[in-house]
């Protein structure tokens, strides 16, 4: 029997490592696809996908917009 965490629990809604890895892999493939399946950018795709999935990219974009204002 699997129990669910209460929404108030600090670990509620957190992704497991496997789920996080899957999301990064799927996003990296989308980036590879968008570039027309050109080889040689696997690490760039992975790092960009990881930043997007973890929300790092969004935070940087928001900071630059605030600085420009």
Protein backbone atom coordinates (compact mmCIF):
# COMPACT_ATOMS: atom_id res chain seq x y z
CA UNK A 1 0.00 0.00 0.00
CA UNK A 2 1.38 3.36 -1.02
CA UNK A 3 0.57 6.37 1.08
CA UNK A 4 0.23 9.91 -0.25
CA UNK A 5 1.86 12.82 1.46
CA UNK A 6 -0.29 15.58 2.84
CA UNK A 7 -0.10 18.76 0.70
CA UNK A 8 1.37 20.45 3.79
CA UNK A 9 4.30 17.99 3.95
CA UNK A 10 7.62 19.56 2.79
CA UNK A 11 8.21 16.72 0.30
CA UNK A 12 4.74 16.90 -1.26
CA UNK A 13 4.85 17.54 -5.00
CA UNK A 14 8.59 16.91 -5.33
CA UNK A 15 9.79 14.85 -8.26
CA UNK A 16 11.87 11.74 -7.81
CA UNK A 17 15.29 11.68 -9.47
CA UNK A 18 13.96 9.33 -12.16
CA UNK A 19 11.02 11.67 -12.94
CA UNK A 20 13.33 14.67 -13.09
CA UNK A 21 15.76 12.82 -15.34
CA UNK A 22 12.90 11.82 -17.67
CA UNK A 23 11.71 15.43 -17.97
CA UNK A 24 15.21 16.66 -18.74
CA UNK A 25 15.72 13.90 -21.31
CA UNK A 26 12.42 14.68 -23.04
CA UNK A 27 13.16 18.42 -23.15
CA UNK A 28 16.70 17.82 -24.45
CA UNK A 29 15.28 15.69 -27.25
CA UNK A 30 12.82 18.48 -28.14
CA UNK A 31 15.75 20.91 -28.40
CA UNK A 32 17.63 18.43 -30.62
CA UNK A 33 14.49 18.03 -32.73
CA UNK A 34 14.01 21.82 -33.01
CA UNK A 35 17.59 22.18 -34.32
CA UNK A 36 16.83 19.72 -37.11
CA UNK A 37 18.52 16.68 -35.53
CA UNK A 38 22.01 18.07 -36.04
CA UNK A 39 24.66 16.23 -34.04
CA UNK A 40 27.35 17.72 -31.84
CA UNK A 41 25.19 19.64 -29.35
CA UNK A 42 24.14 16.90 -26.91
CA UNK A 43 25.75 18.51 -23.87
CA UNK A 44 24.37 21.96 -24.75
CA UNK A 45 20.89 20.47 -25.18
CA UNK A 46 21.13 18.59 -21.88
CA UNK A 47 22.33 21.63 -19.92
CA UNK A 48 19.72 23.92 -21.44
CA UNK A 49 16.98 21.36 -20.79
CA UNK A 50 18.16 20.90 -17.20
CA UNK A 51 18.11 24.67 -16.61
CA UNK A 52 14.61 24.93 -18.06
CA UNK A 53 13.23 21.98 -16.08
CA UNK A 54 14.76 23.25 -12.85
CA UNK A 55 13.52 26.77 -13.52
CA UNK A 56 16.97 28.35 -13.66
CA UNK A 57 16.40 29.86 -17.10
CA UNK A 58 13.18 31.56 -16.09
CA UNK A 59 14.82 33.13 -13.05
CA UNK A 60 17.65 34.53 -15.16
CA UNK A 61 15.21 35.96 -17.70
CA UNK A 62 13.18 37.65 -14.96
CA UNK A 63 16.31 39.17 -13.40
CA UNK A 64 17.45 40.61 -16.75
CA UNK A 65 14.02 42.09 -17.40
CA UNK A 66 14.01 43.76 -13.97
CA UNK A 67 17.53 45.12 -14.51
CA UNK A 68 16.54 46.59 -17.86
CA UNK A 69 13.52 48.40 -16.37
